[in-house]
Structures are given as C-alpha cells and as structure tokens.
Amino acid sequence: MIDNWNQLLTFLADPPAMDAARHRQTAPLLILAGNGLPVLVDHAADLLRKKQIEQIFLVGGIGHATPILRRNFEEQGFLFSETLSESEMYRRYLQEKYHFSDAQLLVEPHSTNSGENAQFALDKLQELQLSPRKVLLMNDPILQRRTRATFEKVWENTTVEFENYVPIVPQLACWRDEDTNTIMTFTQTELNYQWPSDYFKSLVLGEIARLHDDEYGYGPKGKGYLKHIEIPAEIWTAYQAILSQTKWQFSRT
C-alpha cells in the first residue's frame, strides 16, 4: 500500500526532468501558492538568498490549508493572528527570519483556490506592469501538477514560461492504523506531522480525481479548469487499489 501512495505522490509532485533538476533553476520570479507547509517558505528563501530569483510572489488568502499552516508555524515558535491570510503569514515569517525587504516580496492575499491564485497573480503583475519571461512555481507538492496546469490555462495568452520548483517529493516510509488513528512518517523527516492524516488522504485522492479527465474532473470533459492531463495507467491502477482497500471517504473540495 505504501508503494501505491508513493507512486501517486511522485506523479502529483511533477518534479522537473532530471536534466533540468541537475542545473540551477533560475527565474526573475518565484510564485509560492498558499499551502500548509512552512518548510517550502524556507526553500523559497534559499533561492532568493542565492540570487537564483529576484522576487518571491506570495499568493493565497484564507482557505482549507490556513489553520494547518498557522499550527505548523506555531510549532516553530511563530505565532500569527487568525485573521492573517496564508500569504501574509509567509511574508511576516520571511521578514522576521530572513529580513527580506518589501521590494523582494510581492503579496496577493485574497485568492482562495487554484484558479484565483493564477488569475489574481496575473492581475497583480499586470497592475504592477511586471512581465517576467519565466516563472518558477511552488506549492504543496501534492498540489504541484494541478497548480502548473491551472496557471498554464489561466495565463495561456501570455508568453510566460512556467517551470515547477519541487524541492521535496514526499515519500511515505511507514503507515499504520491504530484504532482510529493513522500514524504516518515520511522519508523526509521535516514532513512528519505537517498534514493531519485525513487531510493528507483528501489532498492525494482528491487530486487524482480532479486531474482525471471525466465529467467529474477539472479537465475539458468536466469543469474545464485545465487542459487534458493524461494519467498513466500505473498511476490509475495504484489509485484504484488504494480506493478498494480503504473505507475512508474523501472530500472533493
């Protein structure tokens, strides 16, 4: 079962090809979409400190990941008001820990889903008369494939080249259920306890359902939010195997 989950996680993370990954990824701008993982903010900061990017664009309002992000920041000693959006928490964290200037950080604090992330980010850049030739995209790696597909759909009339920046591809090391509690550990220890177990299941299984191009998905045969995405047979088989072995029902939010 762990192997099946890890196949889905690798597919959803959609990391760049090995030849691209071996080279330093650079761009004028990195867009970090709202999610629950503070560790990703540190990776974004590392790119800015190494001058691989010129600015970080923090995109995200208040949504399903907001309380998880706030809790995870609290575990690191950073306490943020419940009124702050995900992007505003990111900004305060980056300024407190890394002392980045306002000029280095763009913020869009109102979007509440992937489509709004893409549209509001585009609107903000056009308002500021910024037109980067290339943009690195980063999100919770479970959401990464759909994030890029959404941005490419919304920005299709621009000349921007998108490239995923995926510093971590989650891989489960251990999974066990003890009564009603699911215990998950990852090969990357910094990811342990970052997702509540039911939320993690919802993200992974929900993403495969959304990417599947049928009347219920987000592709051309469904809601039309994305261009067609081909799900490899082995990924669909792993997904079906997980569904057949779990009684848990995931939410399609």
C-alpha atoms as a PDB file:
ATOM      1  CA  MET A   1       0.000   0.000   0.000  1.00  0.00           C
ATOM      2  CA  ILE A   2       2.836   2.439   0.755  1.00  0.00           C
ATOM      3  CA  ASP A   3       4.235   1.869  -2.725  1.00  0.00           C
ATOM      4  CA  ASN A   4       0.871   2.833  -4.214  1.00  0.00           C
ATOM      5  CA  TRP A   5       0.717   6.044  -2.190  1.00  0.00           C
ATOM      6  CA  ASN A   6       4.291   6.933  -3.155  1.00  0.00           C
ATOM      7  CA  GLN A   7       3.520   6.440  -6.845  1.00  0.00           C
ATOM      8  CA  LEU A   8       0.674   8.941  -6.521  1.00  0.00           C
ATOM      9  CA  LEU A   9       2.831  11.387  -4.573  1.00  0.00           C
ATOM     10  CA  THR A  10       5.589  11.346  -7.192  1.00  0.00           C
ATOM     11  CA  PHE A  11       3.102  11.845 -10.024  1.00  0.00           C
ATOM     12  CA  LEU A  12       1.346  14.725  -8.269  1.00  0.00           C
ATOM     13  CA  ALA A  13       4.622  16.473  -7.354  1.00  0.00           C
ATOM     14  CA  ASP A  14       5.540  16.586 -11.051  1.00  0.00           C
ATOM     15  CA  PRO A  15       9.237  17.366 -10.451  1.00  0.00           C
ATOM     16  CA  PRO A  16      11.289  18.743 -13.368  1.00  0.00           C
ATOM     17  CA  ALA A  17      13.134  16.320 -15.593  1.00  0.00           C
ATOM     18  CA  MET A  18      16.456  15.086 -14.258  1.00  0.00           C
ATOM     19  CA  ASP A  19      18.495  17.166 -16.699  1.00  0.00           C
ATOM     20  CA  ALA A  20      16.726  20.338 -15.548  1.00  0.00           C
ATOM     21  CA  ALA A  21      16.987  19.355 -11.896  1.00  0.00           C
ATOM     22  CA  ARG A  22      20.759  18.957 -12.169  1.00  0.00           C
ATOM     23  CA  HIS A  23      21.126  22.596 -13.159  1.00  0.00           C
ATOM     24  CA  ARG A  24      20.410  25.621 -11.005  1.00  0.00           C
ATOM     25  CA  GLN A  25      16.824  26.656 -11.597  1.00  0.00           C
ATOM     26  CA  THR A  26      16.649  30.398 -12.088  1.00  0.00           C
ATOM     27  CA  ALA A  27      13.950  32.926 -12.966  1.00  0.00           C
ATOM     28  CA  PRO A  28      13.104  36.548 -12.231  1.00  0.00           C
ATOM     29  CA  LEU A  29      10.142  35.439 -10.121  1.00  0.00           C
ATOM     30  CA  LEU A  30       9.016  32.518  -7.965  1.00  0.00           C
ATOM     31  CA  ILE A  31       5.321  32.181  -7.159  1.00  0.00           C
ATOM     32  CA  LEU A  32       4.607  30.337  -3.914  1.00  0.00           C
ATOM     33  CA  ALA A  33       0.929  29.379  -3.699  1.00  0.00           C
ATOM     34  CA  GLY A  34      -0.732  29.101  -0.321  1.00  0.00           C
ATOM     35  CA  ASN A  35      -0.437  25.749   1.443  1.00  0.00           C
ATOM     36  CA  GLY A  36       0.229  24.292   4.886  1.00  0.00           C
ATOM     37  CA  LEU A  37       3.983  23.636   4.701  1.00  0.00           C
ATOM     38  CA  PRO A  38       6.328  26.250   6.237  1.00  0.00           C
ATOM     39  CA  VAL A  39       9.342  24.251   5.013  1.00  0.00           C
ATOM     40  CA  LEU A  40       8.562  25.385   1.478  1.00  0.00           C
ATOM     41  CA  VAL A  41       8.919  29.019   2.511  1.00  0.00           C
ATOM     42  CA  ASP A  42      12.453  28.247   3.666  1.00  0.00           C
ATOM     43  CA  HIS A  43      13.268  26.720   0.270  1.00  0.00           C
ATOM     44  CA  ALA A  44      11.915  29.827  -1.453  1.00  0.00           C
ATOM     45  CA  ALA A  45      14.056  31.990   0.835  1.00  0.00           C
ATOM     46  CA  ASP A  46      17.102  29.924  -0.065  1.00  0.00           C
ATOM     47  CA  LEU A  47      16.593  30.667  -3.764  1.00  0.00           C
ATOM     48  CA  LEU A  48      16.325  34.380  -3.057  1.00  0.00           C
ATOM     49  CA  ARG A  49      19.430  34.424  -0.873  1.00  0.00           C
ATOM     50  CA  LYS A  50      21.387  32.582  -3.574  1.00  0.00           C
ATOM     51  CA  LYS A  51      20.118  35.090  -6.181  1.00  0.00           C
ATOM     52  CA  GLN A  52      18.510  32.359  -8.291  1.00  0.00           C
ATOM     53  CA  ILE A  53      15.383  34.509  -8.226  1.00  0.00           C
ATOM     54  CA  GLU A  54      14.848  38.241  -7.846  1.00  0.00           C
ATOM     55  CA  GLN A  55      11.469  38.254  -6.098  1.00  0.00           C
ATOM     56  CA  ILE A  56       9.075  35.894  -4.316  1.00  0.00           C
ATOM     57  CA  PHE A  57       5.390  36.322  -5.082  1.00  0.00           C
ATOM     58  CA  LEU A  58       3.307  35.006  -2.167  1.00  0.00           C
ATOM     59  CA  VAL A  59      -0.191  34.119  -3.338  1.00  0.00           C
ATOM     60  CA  GLY A  60      -3.028  32.923  -1.113  1.00  0.00           C
ATOM     61  CA  GLY A  61      -5.847  34.142   1.085  1.00  0.00           C
ATOM     62  CA  ILE A  62      -7.711  32.176   3.743  1.00  0.00           C
ATOM     63  CA  GLY A  63      -8.681  28.630   2.810  1.00  0.00           C
ATOM     64  CA  HIS A  64      -8.637  25.000   3.900  1.00  0.00           C
ATOM     65  CA  ALA A  65      -4.858  24.990   4.494  1.00  0.00           C
ATOM     66  CA  THR A  66      -4.799  28.188   6.588  1.00  0.00           C
ATOM     67  CA  PRO A  67      -5.304  26.636  10.057  1.00  0.00           C
ATOM     68  CA  ILE A  68      -2.781  23.909   9.217  1.00  0.00           C
ATOM     69  CA  LEU A  69      -0.185  26.478   8.156  1.00  0.00           C
ATOM     70  CA  ARG A  70      -0.803  28.532  11.294  1.00  0.00           C
ATOM     71  CA  ARG A  71      -0.444  25.452  13.500  1.00  0.00           C
ATOM     72  CA  ASN A  72       2.759  24.390  11.753  1.00  0.00           C
ATOM     73  CA  PHE A  73       4.219  27.873  12.179  1.00  0.00           C
ATOM     74  CA  GLU A  74       3.281  27.771  15.872  1.00  0.00           C
ATOM     75  CA  GLU A  75       5.234  24.541  16.243  1.00  0.00           C
ATOM     76  CA  GLN A  76       8.273  26.551  15.103  1.00  0.00           C
ATOM     77  CA  GLY A  77       7.587  29.396  17.525  1.00  0.00           C
ATOM     78  CA  PHE A  78       5.984  31.836  15.070  1.00  0.00           C
ATOM     79  CA  LEU A  79       2.571  32.962  16.325  1.00  0.00           C
ATOM     80  CA  PHE A  80       0.208  34.575  13.833  1.00  0.00           C
ATOM     81  CA  SER A  81      -3.272  36.043  14.205  1.00  0.00           C
ATOM     82  CA  GLU A  82      -6.221  34.016  12.920  1.00  0.00           C
ATOM     83  CA  THR A  83      -7.109  36.962  10.681  1.00  0.00           C
ATOM     84  CA  LEU A  84      -3.925  36.677   8.606  1.00  0.00           C
ATOM     85  CA  SER A  85      -4.010  35.088   5.166  1.00  0.00           C
ATOM     86  CA  GLU A  86      -1.537  32.413   4.137  1.00  0.00           C
ATOM     87  CA  SER A  87       0.469  34.870   2.048  1.00  0.00           C
ATOM     88  CA  GLU A  88       0.598  37.395   4.887  1.00  0.00           C
ATOM     89  CA  MET A  89       1.872  34.730   7.278  1.00  0.00           C
ATOM     90  CA  TYR A  90       4.539  33.842   4.713  1.00  0.00           C
ATOM     91  CA  ARG A  91       5.576  37.488   4.391  1.00  0.00           C
ATOM     92  CA  ARG A  92       5.880  38.071   8.124  1.00  0.00           C
ATOM     93  CA  TYR A  93       7.844  34.855   8.519  1.00  0.00           C
ATOM     94  CA  LEU A  94      10.245  35.781   5.711  1.00  0.00           C
ATOM     95  CA  GLN A  95      10.759  39.272   7.099  1.00  0.00           C
ATOM     96  CA  GLU A  96      11.233  38.129  10.703  1.00  0.00           C
ATOM     97  CA  LYS A  97      13.553  35.220   9.923  1.00  0.00           C
ATOM     98  CA  TYR A  98      15.396  36.396   6.789  1.00  0.00           C
ATOM     99  CA  HIS A  99      14.917  40.193   6.892  1.00  0.00           C
ATOM    100  CA  PHE A 100      13.841  40.424   3.267  1.00  0.00           C
ATOM    101  CA  SER A 101      12.660  43.831   2.100  1.00  0.00           C
ATOM    102  CA  ASP A 102       9.175  44.719   0.884  1.00  0.00           C
ATOM    103  CA  ALA A 103      10.620  45.103  -2.615  1.00  0.00           C
ATOM    104  CA  GLN A 104      11.695  41.463  -2.620  1.00  0.00           C
ATOM    105  CA  LEU A 105       8.253  40.155  -1.635  1.00  0.00           C
ATOM    106  CA  LEU A 106       5.064  40.566  -3.635  1.00  0.00           C
ATOM    107  CA  VAL A 107       1.807  39.580  -1.910  1.00  0.00           C
ATOM    108  CA  GLU A 108      -1.653  38.632  -3.141  1.00  0.00           C
ATOM    109  CA  PRO A 109      -3.775  37.904  -0.011  1.00  0.00           C
ATOM    110  CA  HIS A 110      -7.268  37.323  -1.422  1.00  0.00           C
ATOM    111  CA  SER A 111      -7.305  34.182  -3.589  1.00  0.00           C
ATOM    112  CA  THR A 112      -8.993  31.128  -2.095  1.00  0.00           C
ATOM    113  CA  ASN A 113      -8.453  28.414  -4.727  1.00  0.00           C
ATOM    114  CA  SER A 114      -6.034  27.467  -7.501  1.00  0.00           C
ATOM    115  CA  GLY A 115      -7.942  29.297 -10.220  1.00  0.00           C
ATOM    116  CA  GLU A 116      -7.960  32.507  -8.208  1.00  0.00           C
ATOM    117  CA  ASN A 117      -4.282  32.003  -7.342  1.00  0.00           C
ATOM    118  CA  ALA A 118      -3.477  32.063 -11.047  1.00  0.00           C
ATOM    119  CA  GLN A 119      -5.890  34.833 -12.054  1.00  0.00           C
ATOM    120  CA  PHE A 120      -5.220  37.186  -9.150  1.00  0.00           C
ATOM    121  CA  ALA A 121      -1.459  36.707  -9.525  1.00  0.00           C
ATOM    122  CA  LEU A 122      -1.701  37.619 -13.202  1.00  0.00           C
ATOM    123  CA  ASP A 123      -3.863  40.645 -12.403  1.00  0.00           C
ATOM    124  CA  LYS A 124      -1.383  41.836  -9.767  1.00  0.00           C
ATOM    125  CA  LEU A 125       1.607  41.556 -12.096  1.00  0.00           C
ATOM    126  CA  GLN A 126      -0.231  43.410 -14.846  1.00  0.00           C
ATOM    127  CA  GLU A 127      -1.193  46.112 -12.351  1.00  0.00           C
ATOM    128  CA  LEU A 128       2.476  46.469 -11.411  1.00  0.00           C
ATOM    129  CA  GLN A 129       3.484  46.341 -15.099  1.00  0.00           C
ATOM    130  CA  LEU A 130       5.732  43.356 -14.474  1.00  0.00           C
ATOM    131  CA  SER A 131       6.161  40.791 -17.229  1.00  0.00           C
ATOM    132  CA  PRO A 132       8.683  38.110 -16.229  1.00  0.00           C
ATOM    133  CA  ARG A 133       9.784  35.892 -19.098  1.00  0.00           C
ATOM    134  CA  LYS A 134       9.930  32.875 -16.810  1.00  0.00           C
ATOM    135  CA  VAL A 135       8.279  31.969 -13.505  1.00  0.00           C
ATOM    136  CA  LEU A 136       9.115  29.184 -11.066  1.00  0.00           C
ATOM    137  CA  LEU A 137       6.008  27.692  -9.442  1.00  0.00           C
ATOM    138  CA  MET A 138       5.921  26.133  -5.992  1.00  0.00           C
ATOM    139  CA  ASN A 139       3.069  24.715  -3.945  1.00  0.00           C
ATOM    140  CA  ASP A 140       2.404  21.822  -1.597  1.00  0.00           C
ATOM    141  CA  PRO A 141       3.932  19.070  -3.755  1.00  0.00           C
ATOM    142  CA  ILE A 142       0.646  17.155  -3.631  1.00  0.00           C
ATOM    143  CA  LEU A 143      -0.928  20.088  -5.488  1.00  0.00           C
ATOM    144  CA  GLN A 144       2.009  20.877  -7.766  1.00  0.00           C
ATOM    145  CA  ARG A 145       0.871  19.207 -11.004  1.00  0.00           C
ATOM    146  CA  ARG A 146      -2.555  20.849 -10.868  1.00  0.00           C
ATOM    147  CA  THR A 147      -1.034  24.195  -9.897  1.00  0.00           C
ATOM    148  CA  ARG A 148       1.080  24.316 -13.041  1.00  0.00           C
ATOM    149  CA  ALA A 149      -1.798  23.125 -15.228  1.00  0.00           C
ATOM    150  CA  THR A 150      -4.044  25.821 -13.760  1.00  0.00           C
ATOM    151  CA  PHE A 151      -1.512  28.614 -14.265  1.00  0.00           C
ATOM    152  CA  GLU A 152      -0.847  27.490 -17.822  1.00  0.00           C
ATOM    153  CA  LYS A 153      -4.587  27.545 -18.559  1.00  0.00           C
ATOM    154  CA  VAL A 154      -5.236  30.959 -16.979  1.00  0.00           C
ATOM    155  CA  TRP A 155      -2.060  32.545 -18.411  1.00  0.00           C
ATOM    156  CA  GLU A 156      -2.368  30.934 -21.865  1.00  0.00           C
ATOM    157  CA  ASN A 157      -2.484  34.304 -23.624  1.00  0.00           C
ATOM    158  CA  THR A 158       0.844  35.381 -22.133  1.00  0.00           C
ATOM    159  CA  THR A 159       4.371  34.423 -23.183  1.00  0.00           C
ATOM    160  CA  VAL A 160       5.452  33.362 -19.694  1.00  0.00           C
ATOM    161  CA  GLU A 161       7.324  30.071 -19.373  1.00  0.00           C
ATOM    162  CA  PHE A 162       6.446  28.113 -16.232  1.00  0.00           C
ATOM    163  CA  GLU A 163       8.741  25.654 -14.515  1.00  0.00           C
ATOM    164  CA  ASN A 164       7.932  23.648 -11.407  1.00  0.00           C
ATOM    165  CA  TYR A 165      10.238  24.118  -8.461  1.00  0.00           C
ATOM    166  CA  VAL A 166       9.866  20.984  -6.314  1.00  0.00           C
ATOM    167  CA  PRO A 167      12.456  20.847  -3.513  1.00  0.00           C
ATOM    168  CA  ILE A 168      10.707  17.903  -1.826  1.00  0.00           C
ATOM    169  CA  VAL A 169       8.842  14.935  -3.328  1.00  0.00           C
ATOM    170  CA  PRO A 170       7.072  13.370  -0.327  1.00  0.00           C
ATOM    171  CA  GLN A 171       7.609   9.662   0.152  1.00  0.00           C
ATOM    172  CA  LEU A 172       5.939   7.658   2.892  1.00  0.00           C
ATOM    173  CA  ALA A 173       8.217   5.464   4.987  1.00  0.00           C
ATOM    174  CA  CYS A 174       5.631   3.994   7.342  1.00  0.00           C
ATOM    175  CA  TRP A 175       1.863   3.912   7.507  1.00  0.00           C
ATOM    176  CA  ARG A 176      -0.120   2.169  10.189  1.00  0.00           C
ATOM    177  CA  ASP A 177      -3.597   2.488  11.605  1.00  0.00           C
ATOM    178  CA  GLU A 178      -4.038   2.167  15.351  1.00  0.00           C
ATOM    179  CA  ASP A 179      -7.763   2.061  16.127  1.00  0.00           C
ATOM    180  CA  THR A 180      -8.978   5.348  14.619  1.00  0.00           C
ATOM    181  CA  ASN A 181      -5.553   6.988  14.457  1.00  0.00           C
ATOM    182  CA  THR A 182      -3.388   6.904  11.369  1.00  0.00           C
ATOM    183  CA  ILE A 183       0.353   7.156  12.012  1.00  0.00           C
ATOM    184  CA  MET A 184       2.304   8.437   9.000  1.00  0.00           C
ATOM    185  CA  THR A 185       6.025   9.013   8.742  1.00  0.00           C
ATOM    186  CA  PHE A 186       7.990  10.174   5.723  1.00  0.00           C
ATOM    187  CA  THR A 187      11.481   9.525   4.452  1.00  0.00           C
ATOM    188  CA  GLN A 188      11.875  13.319   4.641  1.00  0.00           C
ATOM    189  CA  THR A 189      11.550  13.807   8.397  1.00  0.00           C
ATOM    190  CA  GLU A 190      10.751  17.525   8.021  1.00  0.00           C
ATOM    191  CA  LEU A 191       7.372  16.461   6.604  1.00  0.00           C
ATOM    192  CA  ASN A 192       6.340  14.376   9.608  1.00  0.00           C
ATOM    193  CA  TYR A 193       3.177  15.708  11.276  1.00  0.00           C
ATOM    194  CA  GLN A 194       2.794  18.513   8.727  1.00  0.00           C
ATOM    195  CA  TRP A 195      -0.507  17.162   7.356  1.00  0.00           C
ATOM    196  CA  PRO A 196      -3.329  15.788   9.523  1.00  0.00           C
ATOM    197  CA  SER A 197      -3.827  12.242   8.266  1.00  0.00           C
ATOM    198  CA  ASP A 198      -7.373  12.684   6.929  1.00  0.00           C
ATOM    199  CA  TYR A 199      -6.393  15.954   5.265  1.00  0.00           C
ATOM    200  CA  PHE A 200      -3.416  14.226   3.631  1.00  0.00           C
ATOM    201  CA  LYS A 201      -5.650  11.477   2.260  1.00  0.00           C
ATOM    202  CA  SER A 202      -8.124  14.057   0.990  1.00  0.00           C
ATOM    203  CA  LEU A 203      -5.409  16.002  -0.806  1.00  0.00           C
ATOM    204  CA  VAL A 204      -3.875  12.990  -2.531  1.00  0.00           C
ATOM    205  CA  LEU A 205      -7.019  11.114  -3.521  1.00  0.00           C
ATOM    206  CA  GLY A 206      -8.894  14.303  -4.351  1.00  0.00           C
ATOM    207  CA  GLU A 207      -6.129  15.473  -6.665  1.00  0.00           C
ATOM    208  CA  ILE A 208      -6.203  12.291  -8.737  1.00  0.00           C
ATOM    209  CA  ALA A 209      -9.976  12.619  -9.058  1.00  0.00           C
ATOM    210  CA  ARG A 210      -9.674  16.256 -10.148  1.00  0.00           C
ATOM    211  CA  LEU A 211      -6.957  15.538 -12.712  1.00  0.00           C
ATOM    212  CA  HIS A 212      -8.878  12.597 -14.203  1.00  0.00           C
ATOM    213  CA  ASP A 213     -10.482  13.988 -17.341  1.00  0.00           C
ATOM    214  CA  ASP A 214     -14.077  12.851 -16.959  1.00  0.00           C
ATOM    215  CA  GLU A 215     -17.358  14.617 -16.229  1.00  0.00           C
ATOM    216  CA  TYR A 216     -16.396  14.972 -12.555  1.00  0.00           C
ATOM    217  CA  GLY A 217     -12.844  16.222 -13.108  1.00  0.00           C
ATOM    218  CA  TYR A 218     -11.308  19.602 -13.799  1.00  0.00           C
ATOM    219  CA  GLY A 219     -10.294  18.846 -17.398  1.00  0.00           C
ATOM    220  CA  PRO A 220     -12.064  19.631 -20.705  1.00  0.00           C
ATOM    221  CA  LYS A 221     -14.656  16.854 -20.167  1.00  0.00           C
ATOM    222  CA  GLY A 222     -15.575  18.267 -16.767  1.00  0.00           C
ATOM    223  CA  LYS A 223     -15.282  21.745 -15.283  1.00  0.00           C
ATOM    224  CA  GLY A 224     -12.817  22.948 -17.931  1.00  0.00           C
ATOM    225  CA  TYR A 225     -10.350  24.463 -15.473  1.00  0.00           C
ATOM    226  CA  LEU A 226      -7.413  22.564 -17.016  1.00  0.00           C
ATOM    227  CA  LYS A 227      -6.250  21.276 -20.336  1.00  0.00           C
ATOM    228  CA  HIS A 228      -6.304  17.500 -20.725  1.00  0.00           C
ATOM    229  CA  ILE A 229      -3.879  15.671 -18.419  1.00  0.00           C
ATOM    230  CA  GLU A 230      -3.084  12.057 -19.181  1.00  0.00           C
ATOM    231  CA  ILE A 231      -2.932   9.902 -16.065  1.00  0.00           C
ATOM    232  CA  PRO A 232      -0.586   6.933 -16.700  1.00  0.00           C
ATOM    233  CA  ALA A 233      -2.122   3.501 -16.356  1.00  0.00           C
ATOM    234  CA  GLU A 234       0.103   2.563 -13.420  1.00  0.00           C
ATOM    235  CA  ILE A 235      -0.966   5.688 -11.510  1.00  0.00           C
ATOM    236  CA  TRP A 236      -4.638   4.987 -12.092  1.00  0.00           C
ATOM    237  CA  THR A 237      -4.132   1.377 -11.024  1.00  0.00           C
ATOM    238  CA  ALA A 238      -2.420   2.483  -7.799  1.00  0.00           C
ATOM    239  CA  TYR A 239      -5.235   4.960  -7.135  1.00  0.00           C
ATOM    240  CA  GLN A 240      -7.915   2.306  -7.649  1.00  0.00           C
ATOM    241  CA  ALA A 241      -6.017  -0.108  -5.404  1.00  0.00           C
ATOM    242  CA  ILE A 242      -5.989   2.447  -2.588  1.00  0.00           C
ATOM    243  CA  LEU A 243      -9.703   3.155  -3.002  1.00  0.00           C
ATOM    244  CA  SER A 244     -10.506  -0.541  -2.899  1.00  0.00           C
ATOM    245  CA  GLN A 245      -8.638  -1.000   0.375  1.00  0.00           C
ATOM    246  CA  THR A 246      -9.904   1.969   2.328  1.00  0.00           C
ATOM    247  CA  LYS A 247     -13.306   2.659   3.842  1.00  0.00           C
ATOM    248  CA  TRP A 248     -12.443   6.312   4.279  1.00  0.00           C
ATOM    249  CA  GLN A 249     -14.409   8.763   2.145  1.00  0.00           C
ATOM    250  CA  PHE A 250     -12.537  11.791   0.891  1.00  0.00           C
ATOM    251  CA  SER A 251     -13.959  15.235   0.238  1.00  0.00           C
ATOM    252  CA  ARG A 252     -13.902  16.810  -3.223  1.00  0.00           C
ATOM    253  CA  THR A 253     -13.447  20.408  -2.043  1.00  0.00           C
END
